[in-house]
Structures are given as structure tokens and as C-alpha cells.
ModelCIF file with pLDDT and N, C-alpha, C, O atoms, coordinates in Angstrom:
data_MODEL
#
_entry.id   MODEL 
#
_entity.id                         1 
_entity.type                       polymer 
_entity.pdbx_number_of_molecules   1 
#
_entity_poly.entity_id                      1 
_entity_poly.type                           'polypeptide(L)' 
_entity_poly.nstd_linkage                   no 
_entity_poly.nstd_monomer                   no 
_entity_poly.pdbx_seq_one_letter_code       FIAPLILVLIGTVKARHPFDIFHWNSKDFEECLHVNNITISEYEK 
_entity_poly.pdbx_seq_one_letter_code_can   FIAPLILVLIGTVKARHPFDIFHWNSKDFEECLHVNNITISEYEK 
_entity_poly.pdbx_strand_id                 A 
#
loop_
_entity_poly_seq.entity_id 
_entity_poly_seq.num 
_entity_poly_seq.mon_id 
_entity_poly_seq.hetero 
1 1  PHE n 
1 2  ILE n 
1 3  ALA n 
1 4  PRO n 
1 5  LEU n 
1 6  ILE n 
1 7  LEU n 
1 8  VAL n 
1 9  LEU n 
1 10 ILE n 
1 11 GLY n 
1 12 THR n 
1 13 VAL n 
1 14 LYS n 
1 15 ALA n 
1 16 ARG n 
1 17 HIS n 
1 18 PRO n 
1 19 PHE n 
1 20 ASP n 
1 21 ILE n 
1 22 PHE n 
1 23 HIS n 
1 24 TRP n 
1 25 ASN n 
1 26 SER n 
1 27 LYS n 
1 28 ASP n 
1 29 PHE n 
1 30 GLU n 
1 31 GLU n 
1 32 CYS n 
1 33 LEU n 
1 34 HIS n 
1 35 VAL n 
1 36 ASN n 
1 37 ASN n 
1 38 ILE n 
1 39 THR n 
1 40 ILE n 
1 41 SER n 
1 42 GLU n 
1 43 TYR n 
1 44 GLU n 
1 45 LYS n 
#
_struct_asym.id          A 
_struct_asym.entity_id   1 
#
loop_
_ma_qa_metric.id 
_ma_qa_metric.mode 
_ma_qa_metric.name 
_ma_qa_metric.software_group_id 
_ma_qa_metric.type 
1 global pLDDT . pLDDT 
2 local  pLDDT . pLDDT 
#
_ma_qa_metric_global.metric_id      1 
_ma_qa_metric_global.metric_value   66.60 
_ma_qa_metric_global.model_id       1 
_ma_qa_metric_global.ordinal_id     1 
#
loop_
_ma_qa_metric_local.label_asym_id 
_ma_qa_metric_local.label_comp_id 
_ma_qa_metric_local.label_seq_id 
_ma_qa_metric_local.metric_id 
_ma_qa_metric_local.metric_value 
_ma_qa_metric_local.model_id 
_ma_qa_metric_local.ordinal_id 
A PHE 1  2 45.00 1 1  
A ILE 2  2 48.00 1 2  
A ALA 3  2 40.00 1 3  
A PRO 4  2 44.00 1 4  
A LEU 5  2 40.00 1 5  
A ILE 6  2 40.00 1 6  
A LEU 7  2 38.00 1 7  
A VAL 8  2 38.00 1 8  
A LEU 9  2 37.00 1 9  
A ILE 10 2 36.00 1 10 
A GLY 11 2 36.00 1 11 
A THR 12 2 34.00 1 12 
A VAL 13 2 37.00 1 13 
A LYS 14 2 42.00 1 14 
A ALA 15 2 44.00 1 15 
A ARG 16 2 57.00 1 16 
A HIS 17 2 51.00 1 17 
A PRO 18 2 55.00 1 18 
A PHE 19 2 62.00 1 19 
A ASP 20 2 60.00 1 20 
A ILE 21 2 61.00 1 21 
A PHE 22 2 64.00 1 22 
A HIS 23 2 62.00 1 23 
A TRP 24 2 67.00 1 24 
A ASN 25 2 75.00 1 25 
A SER 26 2 83.00 1 26 
A LYS 27 2 88.00 1 27 
A ASP 28 2 87.00 1 28 
A PHE 29 2 86.00 1 29 
A GLU 30 2 90.00 1 30 
A GLU 31 2 93.00 1 31 
A CYS 32 2 91.00 1 32 
A LEU 33 2 92.00 1 33 
A HIS 34 2 95.00 1 34 
A VAL 35 2 96.00 1 35 
A ASN 36 2 96.00 1 36 
A ASN 37 2 96.00 1 37 
A ILE 38 2 92.00 1 38 
A THR 39 2 92.00 1 39 
A ILE 40 2 87.00 1 40 
A SER 41 2 87.00 1 41 
A GLU 42 2 88.00 1 42 
A TYR 43 2 83.00 1 43 
A GLU 44 2 82.00 1 44 
A LYS 45 2 80.00 1 45 
#
loop_
_atom_site.group_PDB 
_atom_site.id 
_atom_site.type_symbol 
_atom_site.label_atom_id 
_atom_site.label_alt_id 
_atom_site.label_comp_id 
_atom_site.label_asym_id 
_atom_site.label_entity_id 
_atom_site.label_seq_id 
_atom_site.pdbx_PDB_ins_code 
_atom_site.Cartn_x 
_atom_site.Cartn_y 
_atom_site.Cartn_z 
_atom_site.occupancy 
_atom_site.B_iso_or_equiv 
_atom_site.pdbx_formal_charge 
_atom_site.auth_seq_id 
_atom_site.auth_comp_id 
_atom_site.auth_asym_id 
_atom_site.auth_atom_id 
_atom_site.pdbx_PDB_model_num 
ATOM 1   N N  . PHE A 1 1  ? -158.988 -30.600 -2.477 1.00 45.00 ? 1  PHE A N  1 
ATOM 2   C CA . PHE A 1 1  ? -159.946 -29.731 -2.921 1.00 45.00 ? 1  PHE A CA 1 
ATOM 3   C C  . PHE A 1 1  ? -160.463 -28.713 -1.762 1.00 45.00 ? 1  PHE A C  1 
ATOM 4   O O  . PHE A 1 1  ? -161.593 -28.245 -1.904 1.00 45.00 ? 1  PHE A O  1 
ATOM 5   N N  . ILE A 1 2  ? -159.861 -28.425 -0.867 1.00 48.00 ? 2  ILE A N  1 
ATOM 6   C CA . ILE A 1 2  ? -160.104 -27.109 0.376  1.00 48.00 ? 2  ILE A CA 1 
ATOM 7   C C  . ILE A 1 2  ? -158.923 -25.571 0.294  1.00 48.00 ? 2  ILE A C  1 
ATOM 8   O O  . ILE A 1 2  ? -158.979 -24.408 0.695  1.00 48.00 ? 2  ILE A O  1 
ATOM 9   N N  . ALA A 1 3  ? -157.905 -26.443 -0.484 1.00 40.00 ? 3  ALA A N  1 
ATOM 10  C CA . ALA A 1 3  ? -156.812 -24.959 -0.930 1.00 40.00 ? 3  ALA A CA 1 
ATOM 11  C C  . ALA A 1 3  ? -156.886 -24.422 -2.446 1.00 40.00 ? 3  ALA A C  1 
ATOM 12  O O  . ALA A 1 3  ? -155.999 -23.666 -2.843 1.00 40.00 ? 3  ALA A O  1 
ATOM 13  N N  . PRO A 1 4  ? -158.081 -24.861 -3.409 1.00 44.00 ? 4  PRO A N  1 
ATOM 14  C CA . PRO A 1 4  ? -157.841 -24.496 -3.943 1.00 44.00 ? 4  PRO A CA 1 
ATOM 15  C C  . PRO A 1 4  ? -159.192 -22.998 -4.187 1.00 44.00 ? 4  PRO A C  1 
ATOM 16  O O  . PRO A 1 4  ? -159.289 -21.999 -4.901 1.00 44.00 ? 4  PRO A O  1 
ATOM 17  N N  . LEU A 1 5  ? -160.424 -24.029 -2.537 1.00 40.00 ? 5  LEU A N  1 
ATOM 18  C CA . LEU A 1 5  ? -161.036 -22.672 -2.237 1.00 40.00 ? 5  LEU A CA 1 
ATOM 19  C C  . LEU A 1 5  ? -160.512 -21.753 -1.702 1.00 40.00 ? 5  LEU A C  1 
ATOM 20  O O  . LEU A 1 5  ? -160.273 -20.719 -2.326 1.00 40.00 ? 5  LEU A O  1 
ATOM 21  N N  . ILE A 1 6  ? -160.257 -21.883 -0.624 1.00 40.00 ? 6  ILE A N  1 
ATOM 22  C CA . ILE A 1 6  ? -159.215 -20.939 0.081  1.00 40.00 ? 6  ILE A CA 1 
ATOM 23  C C  . ILE A 1 6  ? -158.835 -19.831 -0.781 1.00 40.00 ? 6  ILE A C  1 
ATOM 24  O O  . ILE A 1 6  ? -159.222 -18.664 -0.725 1.00 40.00 ? 6  ILE A O  1 
ATOM 25  N N  . LEU A 1 7  ? -158.113 -20.313 -1.492 1.00 38.00 ? 7  LEU A N  1 
ATOM 26  C CA . LEU A 1 7  ? -157.576 -19.262 -2.663 1.00 38.00 ? 7  LEU A CA 1 
ATOM 27  C C  . LEU A 1 7  ? -158.345 -17.999 -2.993 1.00 38.00 ? 7  LEU A C  1 
ATOM 28  O O  . LEU A 1 7  ? -158.155 -16.784 -2.935 1.00 38.00 ? 7  LEU A O  1 
ATOM 29  N N  . VAL A 1 8  ? -159.504 -19.013 -3.445 1.00 38.00 ? 8  VAL A N  1 
ATOM 30  C CA . VAL A 1 8  ? -160.526 -18.377 -4.787 1.00 38.00 ? 8  VAL A CA 1 
ATOM 31  C C  . VAL A 1 8  ? -161.219 -17.462 -3.801 1.00 38.00 ? 8  VAL A C  1 
ATOM 32  O O  . VAL A 1 8  ? -162.064 -16.757 -4.353 1.00 38.00 ? 8  VAL A O  1 
ATOM 33  N N  . LEU A 1 9  ? -161.103 -17.279 -2.531 1.00 37.00 ? 9  LEU A N  1 
ATOM 34  C CA . LEU A 1 9  ? -162.396 -16.804 -1.585 1.00 37.00 ? 9  LEU A CA 1 
ATOM 35  C C  . LEU A 1 9  ? -161.247 -15.515 -0.954 1.00 37.00 ? 9  LEU A C  1 
ATOM 36  O O  . LEU A 1 9  ? -161.704 -14.391 -0.747 1.00 37.00 ? 9  LEU A O  1 
ATOM 37  N N  . ILE A 1 10 ? -160.049 -15.753 -0.739 1.00 36.00 ? 10 ILE A N  1 
ATOM 38  C CA . ILE A 1 10 ? -159.059 -15.023 -0.570 1.00 36.00 ? 10 ILE A CA 1 
ATOM 39  C C  . ILE A 1 10 ? -158.998 -13.905 -1.614 1.00 36.00 ? 10 ILE A C  1 
ATOM 40  O O  . ILE A 1 10 ? -159.383 -12.786 -1.277 1.00 36.00 ? 10 ILE A O  1 
ATOM 41  N N  . GLY A 1 11 ? -158.537 -14.122 -2.884 1.00 36.00 ? 11 GLY A N  1 
ATOM 42  C CA . GLY A 1 11 ? -158.667 -13.291 -3.975 1.00 36.00 ? 11 GLY A CA 1 
ATOM 43  C C  . GLY A 1 11 ? -159.823 -12.605 -3.979 1.00 36.00 ? 11 GLY A C  1 
ATOM 44  O O  . GLY A 1 11 ? -159.846 -11.421 -4.313 1.00 36.00 ? 11 GLY A O  1 
ATOM 45  N N  . THR A 1 12 ? -160.772 -13.188 -3.656 1.00 34.00 ? 12 THR A N  1 
ATOM 46  C CA . THR A 1 12 ? -162.194 -12.264 -4.293 1.00 34.00 ? 12 THR A CA 1 
ATOM 47  C C  . THR A 1 12 ? -162.408 -11.300 -2.833 1.00 34.00 ? 12 THR A C  1 
ATOM 48  O O  . THR A 1 12 ? -163.219 -10.420 -3.118 1.00 34.00 ? 12 THR A O  1 
ATOM 49  N N  . VAL A 1 13 ? -162.032 -11.189 -1.609 1.00 37.00 ? 13 VAL A N  1 
ATOM 50  C CA . VAL A 1 13 ? -162.372 -10.679 -0.669 1.00 37.00 ? 13 VAL A CA 1 
ATOM 51  C C  . VAL A 1 13 ? -161.032 -9.334  -0.862 1.00 37.00 ? 13 VAL A C  1 
ATOM 52  O O  . VAL A 1 13 ? -159.805 -9.356  -0.965 1.00 37.00 ? 13 VAL A O  1 
ATOM 53  N N  . LYS A 1 14 ? -162.020 -8.333  -0.838 1.00 42.00 ? 14 LYS A N  1 
ATOM 54  C CA . LYS A 1 14 ? -161.001 -7.140  -0.741 1.00 42.00 ? 14 LYS A CA 1 
ATOM 55  C C  . LYS A 1 14 ? -161.175 -5.969  0.774  1.00 42.00 ? 14 LYS A C  1 
ATOM 56  O O  . LYS A 1 14 ? -162.135 -5.383  1.275  1.00 42.00 ? 14 LYS A O  1 
ATOM 57  N N  . ALA A 1 15 ? -160.124 -6.030  1.002  1.00 44.00 ? 15 ALA A N  1 
ATOM 58  C CA . ALA A 1 15 ? -160.061 -5.163  2.293  1.00 44.00 ? 15 ALA A CA 1 
ATOM 59  C C  . ALA A 1 15 ? -160.566 -3.898  2.004  1.00 44.00 ? 15 ALA A C  1 
ATOM 60  O O  . ALA A 1 15 ? -160.170 -3.552  0.891  1.00 44.00 ? 15 ALA A O  1 
ATOM 61  N N  . ARG A 1 16 ? -161.369 -2.948  2.607  1.00 57.00 ? 16 ARG A N  1 
ATOM 62  C CA . ARG A 1 16 ? -162.079 -1.909  2.691  1.00 57.00 ? 16 ARG A CA 1 
ATOM 63  C C  . ARG A 1 16 ? -161.446 -1.081  3.970  1.00 57.00 ? 16 ARG A C  1 
ATOM 64  O O  . ARG A 1 16 ? -161.339 -1.450  5.140  1.00 57.00 ? 16 ARG A O  1 
ATOM 65  N N  . HIS A 1 17 ? -161.010 0.330   3.269  1.00 51.00 ? 17 HIS A N  1 
ATOM 66  C CA . HIS A 1 17 ? -160.206 1.322   4.222  1.00 51.00 ? 17 HIS A CA 1 
ATOM 67  C C  . HIS A 1 17 ? -161.116 2.982   3.632  1.00 51.00 ? 17 HIS A C  1 
ATOM 68  O O  . HIS A 1 17 ? -161.435 3.368   2.508  1.00 51.00 ? 17 HIS A O  1 
ATOM 69  N N  . PRO A 1 18 ? -161.253 3.498   4.792  1.00 55.00 ? 18 PRO A N  1 
ATOM 70  C CA . PRO A 1 18 ? -162.206 4.728   4.461  1.00 55.00 ? 18 PRO A CA 1 
ATOM 71  C C  . PRO A 1 18 ? -162.161 5.506   3.322  1.00 55.00 ? 18 PRO A C  1 
ATOM 72  O O  . PRO A 1 18 ? -162.969 6.196   2.700  1.00 55.00 ? 18 PRO A O  1 
ATOM 73  N N  . PHE A 1 19 ? -160.592 5.102   3.180  1.00 62.00 ? 19 PHE A N  1 
ATOM 74  C CA . PHE A 1 19 ? -159.866 6.485   1.857  1.00 62.00 ? 19 PHE A CA 1 
ATOM 75  C C  . PHE A 1 19 ? -159.807 5.490   0.494  1.00 62.00 ? 19 PHE A C  1 
ATOM 76  O O  . PHE A 1 19 ? -158.985 5.534   -0.421 1.00 62.00 ? 19 PHE A O  1 
ATOM 77  N N  . ASP A 1 20 ? -160.975 4.564   0.669  1.00 60.00 ? 20 ASP A N  1 
ATOM 78  C CA . ASP A 1 20 ? -160.439 3.911   -0.636 1.00 60.00 ? 20 ASP A CA 1 
ATOM 79  C C  . ASP A 1 20 ? -161.309 4.685   -1.937 1.00 60.00 ? 20 ASP A C  1 
ATOM 80  O O  . ASP A 1 20 ? -161.243 4.423   -3.138 1.00 60.00 ? 20 ASP A O  1 
ATOM 81  N N  . ILE A 1 21 ? -162.145 5.736   -1.231 1.00 61.00 ? 21 ILE A N  1 
ATOM 82  C CA . ILE A 1 21 ? -163.231 6.582   -2.534 1.00 61.00 ? 21 ILE A CA 1 
ATOM 83  C C  . ILE A 1 21 ? -162.268 6.954   -3.520 1.00 61.00 ? 21 ILE A C  1 
ATOM 84  O O  . ILE A 1 21 ? -162.332 6.758   -4.734 1.00 61.00 ? 21 ILE A O  1 
ATOM 85  N N  . PHE A 1 22 ? -161.030 7.724   -2.612 1.00 64.00 ? 22 PHE A N  1 
ATOM 86  C CA . PHE A 1 22 ? -159.994 8.801   -3.681 1.00 64.00 ? 22 PHE A CA 1 
ATOM 87  C C  . PHE A 1 22 ? -159.341 8.257   -4.688 1.00 64.00 ? 22 PHE A C  1 
ATOM 88  O O  . PHE A 1 22 ? -158.616 7.267   -4.581 1.00 64.00 ? 22 PHE A O  1 
ATOM 89  N N  . HIS A 1 23 ? -159.581 8.923   -5.798 1.00 62.00 ? 23 HIS A N  1 
ATOM 90  C CA . HIS A 1 23 ? -158.541 8.174   -6.933 1.00 62.00 ? 23 HIS A CA 1 
ATOM 91  C C  . HIS A 1 23 ? -157.512 9.350   -7.335 1.00 62.00 ? 23 HIS A C  1 
ATOM 92  O O  . HIS A 1 23 ? -157.458 10.382  -8.005 1.00 62.00 ? 23 HIS A O  1 
ATOM 93  N N  . TRP A 1 24 ? -156.720 8.519   -6.485 1.00 67.00 ? 24 TRP A N  1 
ATOM 94  C CA . TRP A 1 24 ? -155.503 9.385   -6.509 1.00 67.00 ? 24 TRP A CA 1 
ATOM 95  C C  . TRP A 1 24 ? -154.633 9.922   -7.775 1.00 67.00 ? 24 TRP A C  1 
ATOM 96  O O  . TRP A 1 24 ? -154.248 9.354   -8.797 1.00 67.00 ? 24 TRP A O  1 
ATOM 97  N N  . ASN A 1 25 ? -154.484 11.216  -7.301 1.00 75.00 ? 25 ASN A N  1 
ATOM 98  C CA . ASN A 1 25 ? -153.755 11.909  -7.851 1.00 75.00 ? 25 ASN A CA 1 
ATOM 99  C C  . ASN A 1 25 ? -152.291 12.464  -7.416 1.00 75.00 ? 25 ASN A C  1 
ATOM 100 O O  . ASN A 1 25 ? -152.160 13.515  -6.787 1.00 75.00 ? 25 ASN A O  1 
ATOM 101 N N  . SER A 1 26 ? -151.082 11.548  -7.867 1.00 83.00 ? 26 SER A N  1 
ATOM 102 C CA . SER A 1 26 ? -150.085 11.798  -7.011 1.00 83.00 ? 26 SER A CA 1 
ATOM 103 C C  . SER A 1 26 ? -149.787 13.787  -6.625 1.00 83.00 ? 26 SER A C  1 
ATOM 104 O O  . SER A 1 26 ? -149.887 14.331  -5.525 1.00 83.00 ? 26 SER A O  1 
ATOM 105 N N  . LYS A 1 27 ? -149.513 14.278  -7.636 1.00 88.00 ? 27 LYS A N  1 
ATOM 106 C CA . LYS A 1 27 ? -149.603 15.825  -7.653 1.00 88.00 ? 27 LYS A CA 1 
ATOM 107 C C  . LYS A 1 27 ? -150.623 16.721  -6.255 1.00 88.00 ? 27 LYS A C  1 
ATOM 108 O O  . LYS A 1 27 ? -150.305 17.538  -5.390 1.00 88.00 ? 27 LYS A O  1 
ATOM 109 N N  . ASP A 1 28 ? -151.889 16.064  -6.620 1.00 87.00 ? 28 ASP A N  1 
ATOM 110 C CA . ASP A 1 28 ? -152.977 16.463  -5.611 1.00 87.00 ? 28 ASP A CA 1 
ATOM 111 C C  . ASP A 1 28 ? -152.641 16.107  -3.619 1.00 87.00 ? 28 ASP A C  1 
ATOM 112 O O  . ASP A 1 28 ? -152.638 16.762  -2.576 1.00 87.00 ? 28 ASP A O  1 
ATOM 113 N N  . PHE A 1 29 ? -152.459 15.003  -3.954 1.00 86.00 ? 29 PHE A N  1 
ATOM 114 C CA . PHE A 1 29 ? -152.050 14.055  -3.273 1.00 86.00 ? 29 PHE A CA 1 
ATOM 115 C C  . PHE A 1 29 ? -150.616 14.714  -1.915 1.00 86.00 ? 29 PHE A C  1 
ATOM 116 O O  . PHE A 1 29 ? -150.603 14.762  -0.685 1.00 86.00 ? 29 PHE A O  1 
ATOM 117 N N  . GLU A 1 30 ? -149.651 15.089  -2.957 1.00 90.00 ? 30 GLU A N  1 
ATOM 118 C CA . GLU A 1 30 ? -148.476 15.626  -2.096 1.00 90.00 ? 30 GLU A CA 1 
ATOM 119 C C  . GLU A 1 30 ? -149.128 17.070  -1.554 1.00 90.00 ? 30 GLU A C  1 
ATOM 120 O O  . GLU A 1 30 ? -149.188 17.503  -0.403 1.00 90.00 ? 30 GLU A O  1 
ATOM 121 N N  . GLU A 1 31 ? -149.622 17.691  -2.893 1.00 93.00 ? 31 GLU A N  1 
ATOM 122 C CA . GLU A 1 31 ? -150.082 19.287  -2.195 1.00 93.00 ? 31 GLU A CA 1 
ATOM 123 C C  . GLU A 1 31 ? -150.354 19.140  -1.256 1.00 93.00 ? 31 GLU A C  1 
ATOM 124 O O  . GLU A 1 31 ? -149.586 19.551  -0.386 1.00 93.00 ? 31 GLU A O  1 
ATOM 125 N N  . CYS A 1 32 ? -151.505 18.520  -0.892 1.00 91.00 ? 32 CYS A N  1 
ATOM 126 C CA . CYS A 1 32 ? -152.526 18.078  0.143  1.00 91.00 ? 32 CYS A CA 1 
ATOM 127 C C  . CYS A 1 32 ? -151.840 18.232  1.266  1.00 91.00 ? 32 CYS A C  1 
ATOM 128 O O  . CYS A 1 32 ? -152.047 19.183  2.020  1.00 91.00 ? 32 CYS A O  1 
ATOM 129 N N  . LEU A 1 33 ? -150.609 16.953  1.582  1.00 92.00 ? 33 LEU A N  1 
ATOM 130 C CA . LEU A 1 33 ? -150.055 16.673  2.411  1.00 92.00 ? 33 LEU A CA 1 
ATOM 131 C C  . LEU A 1 33 ? -149.037 17.487  2.555  1.00 92.00 ? 33 LEU A C  1 
ATOM 132 O O  . LEU A 1 33 ? -148.281 17.112  3.451  1.00 92.00 ? 33 LEU A O  1 
ATOM 133 N N  . HIS A 1 34 ? -148.663 18.625  1.934  1.00 95.00 ? 34 HIS A N  1 
ATOM 134 C CA . HIS A 1 34 ? -147.416 19.297  2.103  1.00 95.00 ? 34 HIS A CA 1 
ATOM 135 C C  . HIS A 1 34 ? -148.136 20.578  2.677  1.00 95.00 ? 34 HIS A C  1 
ATOM 136 O O  . HIS A 1 34 ? -147.569 21.161  3.601  1.00 95.00 ? 34 HIS A O  1 
ATOM 137 N N  . VAL A 1 35 ? -149.576 21.163  2.113  1.00 96.00 ? 35 VAL A N  1 
ATOM 138 C CA . VAL A 1 35 ? -150.075 22.075  3.179  1.00 96.00 ? 35 VAL A CA 1 
ATOM 139 C C  . VAL A 1 35 ? -150.255 21.726  4.433  1.00 96.00 ? 35 VAL A C  1 
ATOM 140 O O  . VAL A 1 35 ? -149.870 22.411  5.381  1.00 96.00 ? 35 VAL A O  1 
ATOM 141 N N  . ASN A 1 36 ? -150.964 20.434  4.550  1.00 96.00 ? 36 ASN A N  1 
ATOM 142 C CA . ASN A 1 36 ? -151.454 20.388  5.873  1.00 96.00 ? 36 ASN A CA 1 
ATOM 143 C C  . ASN A 1 36 ? -150.209 19.790  6.640  1.00 96.00 ? 36 ASN A C  1 
ATOM 144 O O  . ASN A 1 36 ? -150.480 18.816  7.343  1.00 96.00 ? 36 ASN A O  1 
ATOM 145 N N  . ASN A 1 37 ? -148.985 20.172  6.630  1.00 96.00 ? 37 ASN A N  1 
ATOM 146 C CA . ASN A 1 37 ? -147.659 19.850  7.247  1.00 96.00 ? 37 ASN A CA 1 
ATOM 147 C C  . ASN A 1 37 ? -147.483 18.365  7.689  1.00 96.00 ? 37 ASN A C  1 
ATOM 148 O O  . ASN A 1 37 ? -146.932 18.140  8.767  1.00 96.00 ? 37 ASN A O  1 
ATOM 149 N N  . ILE A 1 38 ? -147.897 17.410  6.956  1.00 92.00 ? 38 ILE A N  1 
ATOM 150 C CA . ILE A 1 38 ? -147.656 16.234  6.647  1.00 92.00 ? 38 ILE A CA 1 
ATOM 151 C C  . ILE A 1 38 ? -146.909 15.540  5.787  1.00 92.00 ? 38 ILE A C  1 
ATOM 152 O O  . ILE A 1 38 ? -147.040 15.649  4.568  1.00 92.00 ? 38 ILE A O  1 
ATOM 153 N N  . THR A 1 39 ? -145.667 14.409  6.622  1.00 92.00 ? 39 THR A N  1 
ATOM 154 C CA . THR A 1 39 ? -145.191 13.850  5.424  1.00 92.00 ? 39 THR A CA 1 
ATOM 155 C C  . THR A 1 39 ? -145.382 12.659  5.274  1.00 92.00 ? 39 THR A C  1 
ATOM 156 O O  . THR A 1 39 ? -146.069 12.001  6.056  1.00 92.00 ? 39 THR A O  1 
ATOM 157 N N  . ILE A 1 40 ? -144.680 12.075  4.016  1.00 87.00 ? 40 ILE A N  1 
ATOM 158 C CA . ILE A 1 40 ? -144.996 10.753  3.530  1.00 87.00 ? 40 ILE A CA 1 
ATOM 159 C C  . ILE A 1 40 ? -145.566 9.388   4.574  1.00 87.00 ? 40 ILE A C  1 
ATOM 160 O O  . ILE A 1 40 ? -146.660 8.838   4.694  1.00 87.00 ? 40 ILE A O  1 
ATOM 161 N N  . SER A 1 41 ? -144.329 9.207   5.170  1.00 87.00 ? 41 SER A N  1 
ATOM 162 C CA . SER A 1 41 ? -144.211 8.576   6.562  1.00 87.00 ? 41 SER A CA 1 
ATOM 163 C C  . SER A 1 41 ? -144.958 8.874   7.320  1.00 87.00 ? 41 SER A C  1 
ATOM 164 O O  . SER A 1 41 ? -145.319 7.876   7.942  1.00 87.00 ? 41 SER A O  1 
ATOM 165 N N  . GLU A 1 42 ? -145.588 10.040  7.754  1.00 88.00 ? 42 GLU A N  1 
ATOM 166 C CA . GLU A 1 42 ? -146.815 10.139  8.684  1.00 88.00 ? 42 GLU A CA 1 
ATOM 167 C C  . GLU A 1 42 ? -147.607 9.782   8.392  1.00 88.00 ? 42 GLU A C  1 
ATOM 168 O O  . GLU A 1 42 ? -148.167 8.962   9.119  1.00 88.00 ? 42 GLU A O  1 
ATOM 169 N N  . TYR A 1 43 ? -148.243 10.188  7.022  1.00 83.00 ? 43 TYR A N  1 
ATOM 170 C CA . TYR A 1 43 ? -149.283 9.650   6.093  1.00 83.00 ? 43 TYR A CA 1 
ATOM 171 C C  . TYR A 1 43 ? -149.739 7.656   6.509  1.00 83.00 ? 43 TYR A C  1 
ATOM 172 O O  . TYR A 1 43 ? -150.613 6.870   6.875  1.00 83.00 ? 43 TYR A O  1 
ATOM 173 N N  . GLU A 1 44 ? -148.519 7.803   6.133  1.00 82.00 ? 44 GLU A N  1 
ATOM 174 C CA . GLU A 1 44 ? -147.961 5.732   5.813  1.00 82.00 ? 44 GLU A CA 1 
ATOM 175 C C  . GLU A 1 44 ? -149.029 5.662   6.819  1.00 82.00 ? 44 GLU A C  1 
ATOM 176 O O  . GLU A 1 44 ? -150.198 5.416   6.522  1.00 82.00 ? 44 GLU A O  1 
ATOM 177 N N  . LYS A 1 45 ? -148.542 5.917   8.216  1.00 80.00 ? 45 LYS A N  1 
ATOM 178 C CA . LYS A 1 45 ? -148.549 5.099   9.010  1.00 80.00 ? 45 LYS A CA 1 
ATOM 179 C C  . LYS A 1 45 ? -150.000 5.557   9.999  1.00 80.00 ? 45 LYS A C  1 
ATOM 180 O O  . LYS A 1 45 ? -150.324 4.876   10.972 1.00 80.00 ? 45 LYS A O  1 
#
């Protein structure tokens, strides 16, 4: 009885991050990284 409840709760909870606001466009995203001298791996970290 408890396991399905836990799975439902985990499925409905979404982690928030400050950058969740962005509607990513890969071209713009990559250009912004390039202009600011940031690599993809640096950004991911």
C-alpha cells in the first residue's frame, strides 16, 4: 500500500531550479555560452 503512494508522490514532485524559466533554444543557448567564453561542460557543472 505504501510503495505506490511513494511512487505517486515522487512523480508529482518536481525539483525547481532558477534556470527553469528559460525556454531553451539551442542556437541561442550555445551563442550565449560562446559570447561569454563558457564551455558546455563548464555550464553543466
